[in-house]
Amino acid sequence: MAIKRVFVSFDYDNDARLKDLLVGQSKNTDSPFVLSDWSIKEHLTGDWKEKARARIRAVDLVCVLCGVNTDKAAGVAAELLIAQEEGVPYFLLWGYKEKTCVKPTSAKVVDKIYKWEWDTLKSLIGGGR
């Protein structure tokens, strides 16, 4: 399987640690994906949506890390909507084992939040959804 380029969407204020954990997994020797630092670090001002759109167009898929407050994260909702508009495949990943995680507001009713396990993640990266 070819290595996939992944854009990670996450609640910057509350879930940055989740992104760090995913970056760590991307460095595993059997990892089917790479994470370039595509995340938008500025506050939601100016042309950040166009920057996000350009970055999302440049990847193979989008991983949305879902946490406790993801439904309140306007940036995550906007990035997911951009992925949908651009036709970039995406999946939602349950960020915390012992906490209730929620979908972004732009998620579709049929979008499932997948359990974050290495084998599941590899399957999702490979198109298993």
N, C-alpha and C. Protein backbone atom coordinates (compact mmCIF):
# COMPACT_ATOMS: atom_id res chain seq x y z
N MET A 1 0.84 -1.18 0.00
CA MET A 1 0.00 0.00 0.00
C MET A 1 0.89 1.24 0.00
N ALA A 2 0.52 2.21 -0.80
CA ALA A 2 1.26 3.46 -0.86
C ALA A 2 1.06 4.27 0.41
N ILE A 3 2.07 5.00 0.78
CA ILE A 3 1.99 5.86 1.96
C ILE A 3 1.03 7.01 1.66
N LYS A 4 0.08 7.25 2.56
CA LYS A 4 -0.93 8.30 2.39
C LYS A 4 -0.53 9.56 3.14
N ARG A 5 -0.82 10.69 2.51
CA ARG A 5 -0.62 11.99 3.16
C ARG A 5 -1.92 12.36 3.86
N VAL A 6 -1.82 12.69 5.15
CA VAL A 6 -3.00 12.92 5.97
C VAL A 6 -2.99 14.32 6.58
N PHE A 7 -4.12 15.00 6.44
CA PHE A 7 -4.37 16.27 7.13
C PHE A 7 -5.11 15.91 8.41
N VAL A 8 -4.66 16.42 9.53
CA VAL A 8 -5.31 16.14 10.80
C VAL A 8 -6.05 17.38 11.26
N SER A 9 -7.34 17.21 11.49
CA SER A 9 -8.18 18.29 12.01
C SER A 9 -8.46 17.97 13.48
N PHE A 10 -8.25 18.95 14.34
CA PHE A 10 -8.44 18.72 15.78
C PHE A 10 -8.69 20.06 16.46
N ASP A 11 -9.27 19.99 17.64
CA ASP A 11 -9.54 21.17 18.45
C ASP A 11 -8.22 21.63 19.06
N TYR A 12 -7.65 22.65 18.47
CA TYR A 12 -6.32 23.13 18.85
C TYR A 12 -6.24 23.51 20.33
N ASP A 13 -7.31 24.09 20.85
CA ASP A 13 -7.30 24.54 22.25
C ASP A 13 -7.41 23.40 23.26
N ASN A 14 -8.03 22.29 22.87
CA ASN A 14 -8.30 21.23 23.82
C ASN A 14 -7.66 19.88 23.51
N ASP A 15 -7.29 19.64 22.27
CA ASP A 15 -6.87 18.30 21.88
C ASP A 15 -5.52 18.24 21.16
N ALA A 16 -4.67 19.21 21.39
CA ALA A 16 -3.36 19.21 20.74
C ALA A 16 -2.56 17.95 21.10
N ARG A 17 -2.76 17.44 22.29
CA ARG A 17 -2.05 16.22 22.72
C ARG A 17 -2.43 15.03 21.84
N LEU A 18 -3.69 14.99 21.41
CA LEU A 18 -4.11 13.90 20.53
C LEU A 18 -3.32 13.92 19.23
N LYS A 19 -3.13 15.11 18.70
CA LYS A 19 -2.35 15.23 17.46
C LYS A 19 -0.93 14.72 17.68
N ASP A 20 -0.34 15.08 18.83
CA ASP A 20 1.01 14.61 19.13
C ASP A 20 1.08 13.08 19.15
N LEU A 21 0.06 12.46 19.72
CA LEU A 21 0.02 10.99 19.76
C LEU A 21 -0.09 10.40 18.36
N LEU A 22 -0.89 11.03 17.51
CA LEU A 22 -1.02 10.55 16.13
C LEU A 22 0.28 10.73 15.36
N VAL A 23 0.96 11.83 15.59
CA VAL A 23 2.27 12.05 14.97
C VAL A 23 3.22 10.92 15.37
N GLY A 24 3.18 10.55 16.64
CA GLY A 24 4.02 9.44 17.10
C GLY A 24 3.71 8.14 16.37
N GLN A 25 2.42 7.86 16.19
CA GLN A 25 2.05 6.63 15.48
C GLN A 25 2.47 6.67 14.02
N SER A 26 2.47 7.87 13.44
CA SER A 26 2.86 7.96 12.03
C SER A 26 4.33 7.61 11.83
N LYS A 27 5.09 7.60 12.89
CA LYS A 27 6.52 7.29 12.81
C LYS A 27 6.82 5.81 13.02
N ASN A 28 5.78 5.01 13.28
CA ASN A 28 5.98 3.56 13.40
C ASN A 28 6.52 3.01 12.09
N THR A 29 7.33 1.97 12.16
CA THR A 29 7.94 1.43 10.95
C THR A 29 6.92 0.86 9.98
N ASP A 30 5.76 0.41 10.49
CA ASP A 30 4.74 -0.14 9.60
C ASP A 30 3.59 0.84 9.34
N SER A 31 3.87 2.13 9.53
CA SER A 31 2.83 3.13 9.33
C SER A 31 2.51 3.34 7.85
N PRO A 32 1.20 3.32 7.51
CA PRO A 32 0.81 3.54 6.12
C PRO A 32 0.54 5.01 5.79
N PHE A 33 0.94 5.91 6.70
CA PHE A 33 0.65 7.32 6.47
C PHE A 33 1.75 8.22 7.02
N VAL A 34 1.77 9.44 6.48
CA VAL A 34 2.67 10.48 6.97
C VAL A 34 1.81 11.69 7.32
N LEU A 35 2.25 12.37 8.34
CA LEU A 35 1.58 13.60 8.74
C LEU A 35 2.57 14.73 8.53
N SER A 36 2.32 15.50 7.50
CA SER A 36 3.07 16.73 7.37
C SER A 36 2.40 17.71 8.31
N ASP A 37 3.07 18.75 8.70
CA ASP A 37 2.46 19.68 9.63
C ASP A 37 1.52 20.60 8.87
N TRP A 38 0.33 20.08 8.60
CA TRP A 38 -0.66 20.80 7.81
C TRP A 38 -1.56 21.67 8.67
N SER A 39 -1.53 21.51 9.98
CA SER A 39 -2.50 22.21 10.82
C SER A 39 -2.32 23.71 10.77
N ILE A 40 -3.43 24.41 10.90
CA ILE A 40 -3.44 25.88 10.90
C ILE A 40 -3.16 26.33 12.33
N LYS A 41 -2.11 27.08 12.52
CA LYS A 41 -1.74 27.48 13.86
C LYS A 41 -2.24 28.86 14.26
N GLU A 42 -2.68 29.64 13.28
CA GLU A 42 -3.17 30.98 13.60
C GLU A 42 -4.60 30.86 14.13
N HIS A 43 -5.03 31.91 14.84
CA HIS A 43 -6.43 31.96 15.24
C HIS A 43 -7.28 32.13 14.00
N LEU A 44 -8.54 31.88 14.11
CA LEU A 44 -9.43 31.86 12.96
C LEU A 44 -9.71 33.26 12.43
N THR A 45 -8.72 33.84 11.79
CA THR A 45 -8.86 35.17 11.21
C THR A 45 -8.28 35.16 9.80
N GLY A 46 -8.56 36.20 9.07
CA GLY A 46 -7.97 36.36 7.75
C GLY A 46 -8.37 35.27 6.79
N ASP A 47 -7.41 34.82 5.99
CA ASP A 47 -7.68 33.84 4.94
C ASP A 47 -7.37 32.41 5.37
N TRP A 48 -7.51 32.12 6.64
CA TRP A 48 -7.14 30.79 7.14
C TRP A 48 -7.91 29.68 6.42
N LYS A 49 -9.16 29.93 6.04
CA LYS A 49 -9.94 28.89 5.36
C LYS A 49 -9.34 28.56 3.99
N GLU A 50 -8.85 29.57 3.30
CA GLU A 50 -8.21 29.30 1.99
C GLU A 50 -6.90 28.55 2.18
N LYS A 51 -6.17 28.86 3.25
CA LYS A 51 -4.95 28.11 3.56
C LYS A 51 -5.30 26.65 3.85
N ALA A 52 -6.36 26.46 4.64
CA ALA A 52 -6.79 25.10 4.97
C ALA A 52 -7.23 24.37 3.70
N ARG A 53 -7.98 25.05 2.85
CA ARG A 53 -8.46 24.43 1.60
C ARG A 53 -7.27 23.96 0.75
N ALA A 54 -6.26 24.80 0.63
CA ALA A 54 -5.08 24.42 -0.17
C ALA A 54 -4.38 23.21 0.44
N ARG A 55 -4.28 23.17 1.75
CA ARG A 55 -3.62 22.05 2.41
C ARG A 55 -4.44 20.77 2.29
N ILE A 56 -5.76 20.90 2.41
CA ILE A 56 -6.62 19.73 2.31
C ILE A 56 -6.60 19.18 0.88
N ARG A 57 -6.54 20.04 -0.10
CA ARG A 57 -6.44 19.58 -1.49
C ARG A 57 -5.15 18.80 -1.74
N ALA A 58 -4.12 19.07 -0.96
CA ALA A 58 -2.80 18.48 -1.19
C ALA A 58 -2.60 17.13 -0.52
N VAL A 59 -3.62 16.64 0.20
CA VAL A 59 -3.47 15.37 0.91
C VAL A 59 -4.38 14.31 0.31
N ASP A 60 -4.17 13.09 0.78
CA ASP A 60 -4.99 11.96 0.32
C ASP A 60 -6.26 11.79 1.14
N LEU A 61 -6.20 12.16 2.42
CA LEU A 61 -7.38 12.07 3.26
C LEU A 61 -7.23 12.93 4.50
N VAL A 62 -8.36 13.10 5.19
CA VAL A 62 -8.43 13.93 6.39
C VAL A 62 -8.84 13.04 7.57
N CYS A 63 -8.11 13.18 8.66
CA CYS A 63 -8.44 12.50 9.91
C CYS A 63 -8.92 13.56 10.88
N VAL A 64 -10.14 13.40 11.38
CA VAL A 64 -10.69 14.33 12.37
C VAL A 64 -10.59 13.67 13.73
N LEU A 65 -9.78 14.26 14.61
CA LEU A 65 -9.64 13.75 15.96
C LEU A 65 -10.76 14.33 16.81
N CYS A 66 -11.63 13.46 17.30
CA CYS A 66 -12.80 13.92 18.06
C CYS A 66 -12.51 13.85 19.56
N GLY A 67 -12.80 14.96 20.22
CA GLY A 67 -12.64 15.05 21.65
C GLY A 67 -13.95 15.45 22.31
N VAL A 68 -13.85 15.89 23.54
CA VAL A 68 -15.01 16.23 24.34
C VAL A 68 -15.72 17.48 23.83
N ASN A 69 -14.96 18.43 23.26
CA ASN A 69 -15.54 19.70 22.83
C ASN A 69 -15.47 19.92 21.32
N THR A 70 -15.30 18.87 20.57
CA THR A 70 -15.16 19.01 19.12
C THR A 70 -16.37 19.70 18.48
N ASP A 71 -17.54 19.52 19.06
CA ASP A 71 -18.74 20.15 18.52
C ASP A 71 -18.74 21.67 18.71
N LYS A 72 -17.83 22.18 19.51
CA LYS A 72 -17.72 23.62 19.74
C LYS A 72 -16.54 24.24 18.99
N ALA A 73 -15.77 23.41 18.29
CA ALA A 73 -14.57 23.86 17.59
C ALA A 73 -14.92 24.29 16.18
N ALA A 74 -15.06 25.59 15.97
CA ALA A 74 -15.47 26.12 14.66
C ALA A 74 -14.46 25.76 13.57
N GLY A 75 -13.19 25.74 13.90
CA GLY A 75 -12.17 25.42 12.91
C GLY A 75 -12.27 23.99 12.43
N VAL A 76 -12.55 23.06 13.32
CA VAL A 76 -12.70 21.66 12.94
C VAL A 76 -13.91 21.51 12.02
N ALA A 77 -15.01 22.15 12.39
CA ALA A 77 -16.22 22.08 11.56
C ALA A 77 -15.94 22.63 10.16
N ALA A 78 -15.21 23.73 10.08
CA ALA A 78 -14.90 24.34 8.79
C ALA A 78 -13.96 23.45 7.97
N GLU A 79 -12.95 22.86 8.61
CA GLU A 79 -12.02 21.99 7.88
C GLU A 79 -12.73 20.75 7.35
N LEU A 80 -13.63 20.18 8.13
CA LEU A 80 -14.37 19.02 7.67
C LEU A 80 -15.29 19.40 6.51
N LEU A 81 -15.92 20.54 6.59
CA LEU A 81 -16.78 21.00 5.50
C LEU A 81 -15.96 21.20 4.21
N ILE A 82 -14.76 21.74 4.35
CA ILE A 82 -13.88 21.92 3.19
C ILE A 82 -13.54 20.56 2.58
N ALA A 83 -13.22 19.58 3.43
CA ALA A 83 -12.92 18.23 2.91
C ALA A 83 -14.12 17.68 2.15
N GLN A 84 -15.31 17.87 2.69
CA GLN A 84 -16.52 17.40 2.03
C GLN A 84 -16.70 18.11 0.68
N GLU A 85 -16.53 19.43 0.67
CA GLU A 85 -16.68 20.21 -0.57
C GLU A 85 -15.66 19.80 -1.62
N GLU A 86 -14.45 19.49 -1.19
CA GLU A 86 -13.37 19.13 -2.11
C GLU A 86 -13.37 17.65 -2.49
N GLY A 87 -14.25 16.88 -1.85
CA GLY A 87 -14.32 15.46 -2.16
C GLY A 87 -13.13 14.67 -1.63
N VAL A 88 -12.48 15.17 -0.59
CA VAL A 88 -11.35 14.48 0.02
C VAL A 88 -11.90 13.49 1.06
N PRO A 89 -11.56 12.22 0.96
CA PRO A 89 -12.06 11.24 1.94
C PRO A 89 -11.63 11.64 3.35
N TYR A 90 -12.47 11.30 4.31
CA TYR A 90 -12.17 11.62 5.70
C TYR A 90 -12.75 10.55 6.61
N PHE A 91 -12.27 10.55 7.84
CA PHE A 91 -12.86 9.71 8.87
C PHE A 91 -12.71 10.40 10.21
N LEU A 92 -13.58 10.02 11.14
CA LEU A 92 -13.58 10.58 12.49
C LEU A 92 -12.99 9.54 13.43
N LEU A 93 -12.11 9.99 14.33
CA LEU A 93 -11.42 9.09 15.24
C LEU A 93 -11.73 9.50 16.69
N TRP A 94 -12.17 8.54 17.50
CA TRP A 94 -12.50 8.74 18.91
C TRP A 94 -11.19 8.99 19.66
N GLY A 95 -11.03 10.20 20.17
CA GLY A 95 -9.75 10.60 20.73
C GLY A 95 -9.40 10.08 22.11
N TYR A 96 -10.39 9.89 22.97
CA TYR A 96 -10.13 9.53 24.36
C TYR A 96 -10.84 8.24 24.73
N LYS A 97 -10.11 7.31 25.32
CA LYS A 97 -10.70 6.03 25.69
C LYS A 97 -11.78 6.16 26.75
N GLU A 98 -11.57 7.01 27.73
CA GLU A 98 -12.48 7.05 28.88
C GLU A 98 -13.30 8.34 28.95
N LYS A 99 -13.46 9.01 27.83
CA LYS A 99 -14.27 10.22 27.79
C LYS A 99 -15.26 10.12 26.64
N THR A 100 -16.34 10.85 26.77
CA THR A 100 -17.31 10.90 25.68
C THR A 100 -16.85 11.90 24.64
N CYS A 101 -16.62 11.42 23.45
CA CYS A 101 -16.16 12.27 22.35
C CYS A 101 -17.34 12.58 21.43
N VAL A 102 -17.30 13.74 20.80
CA VAL A 102 -18.41 14.18 19.97
C VAL A 102 -17.92 14.56 18.58
N LYS A 103 -18.84 14.49 17.63
CA LYS A 103 -18.55 14.84 16.24
C LYS A 103 -18.53 16.36 16.07
N PRO A 104 -17.80 16.84 15.07
CA PRO A 104 -17.91 18.25 14.71
C PRO A 104 -19.31 18.52 14.14
N THR A 105 -19.73 19.76 14.20
CA THR A 105 -21.09 20.11 13.75
C THR A 105 -21.29 19.86 12.26
N SER A 106 -20.25 19.85 11.48
CA SER A 106 -20.38 19.64 10.03
C SER A 106 -20.36 18.16 9.64
N ALA A 107 -20.21 17.28 10.61
CA ALA A 107 -20.22 15.84 10.31
C ALA A 107 -21.61 15.44 9.85
N LYS A 108 -21.65 14.47 8.99
CA LYS A 108 -22.93 13.93 8.52
C LYS A 108 -23.48 12.96 9.55
N VAL A 109 -24.78 12.79 9.55
CA VAL A 109 -25.43 11.88 10.49
C VAL A 109 -24.85 10.47 10.35
N VAL A 110 -24.53 10.07 9.14
CA VAL A 110 -24.02 8.71 8.90
C VAL A 110 -22.53 8.55 9.22
N ASP A 111 -21.84 9.65 9.50
CA ASP A 111 -20.42 9.56 9.83
C ASP A 111 -20.24 8.88 11.18
N LYS A 112 -19.47 7.83 11.19
CA LYS A 112 -19.18 7.07 12.40
C LYS A 112 -17.89 7.59 13.02
N ILE A 113 -17.81 7.58 14.34
CA ILE A 113 -16.55 7.87 15.02
C ILE A 113 -15.91 6.51 15.33
N TYR A 114 -14.75 6.28 14.74
CA TYR A 114 -14.08 5.00 14.90
C TYR A 114 -13.20 4.98 16.13
N LYS A 115 -13.12 3.80 16.75
CA LYS A 115 -12.27 3.60 17.92
C LYS A 115 -10.81 3.70 17.48
N TRP A 116 -10.02 4.42 18.25
CA TRP A 116 -8.62 4.64 17.92
C TRP A 116 -7.78 3.46 18.39
N GLU A 117 -7.57 2.54 17.48
CA GLU A 117 -6.68 1.40 17.70
C GLU A 117 -5.79 1.31 16.47
N TRP A 118 -4.59 0.82 16.64
CA TRP A 118 -3.62 0.82 15.55
C TRP A 118 -4.14 0.08 14.31
N ASP A 119 -4.69 -1.12 14.49
CA ASP A 119 -5.18 -1.87 13.34
C ASP A 119 -6.35 -1.16 12.67
N THR A 120 -7.23 -0.56 13.46
CA THR A 120 -8.36 0.19 12.90
C THR A 120 -7.86 1.41 12.13
N LEU A 121 -6.91 2.11 12.71
CA LEU A 121 -6.34 3.29 12.05
C LEU A 121 -5.70 2.91 10.71
N LYS A 122 -4.93 1.84 10.69
CA LYS A 122 -4.32 1.40 9.44
C LYS A 122 -5.38 1.03 8.42
N SER A 123 -6.45 0.40 8.84
CA SER A 123 -7.53 0.05 7.93
C SER A 123 -8.22 1.30 7.39
N LEU A 124 -8.47 2.28 8.25
CA LEU A 124 -9.10 3.53 7.82
C LEU A 124 -8.23 4.27 6.81
N ILE A 125 -6.93 4.31 7.07
CA ILE A 125 -6.00 4.95 6.16
C ILE A 125 -6.06 4.25 4.79
N GLY A 126 -6.22 2.94 4.82
CA GLY A 126 -6.27 2.17 3.58
C GLY A 126 -7.62 2.20 2.87
N GLY A 127 -8.58 2.91 3.45
CA GLY A 127 -9.88 3.05 2.79
C GLY A 127 -10.99 2.22 3.40
N GLY A 128 -10.70 1.50 4.48
CA GLY A 128 -11.70 0.65 5.11
C GLY A 128 -12.68 1.43 5.98
N ARG A 129 -13.70 1.96 5.35
CA ARG A 129 -14.75 2.67 6.10
C ARG A 129 -16.04 2.62 5.32
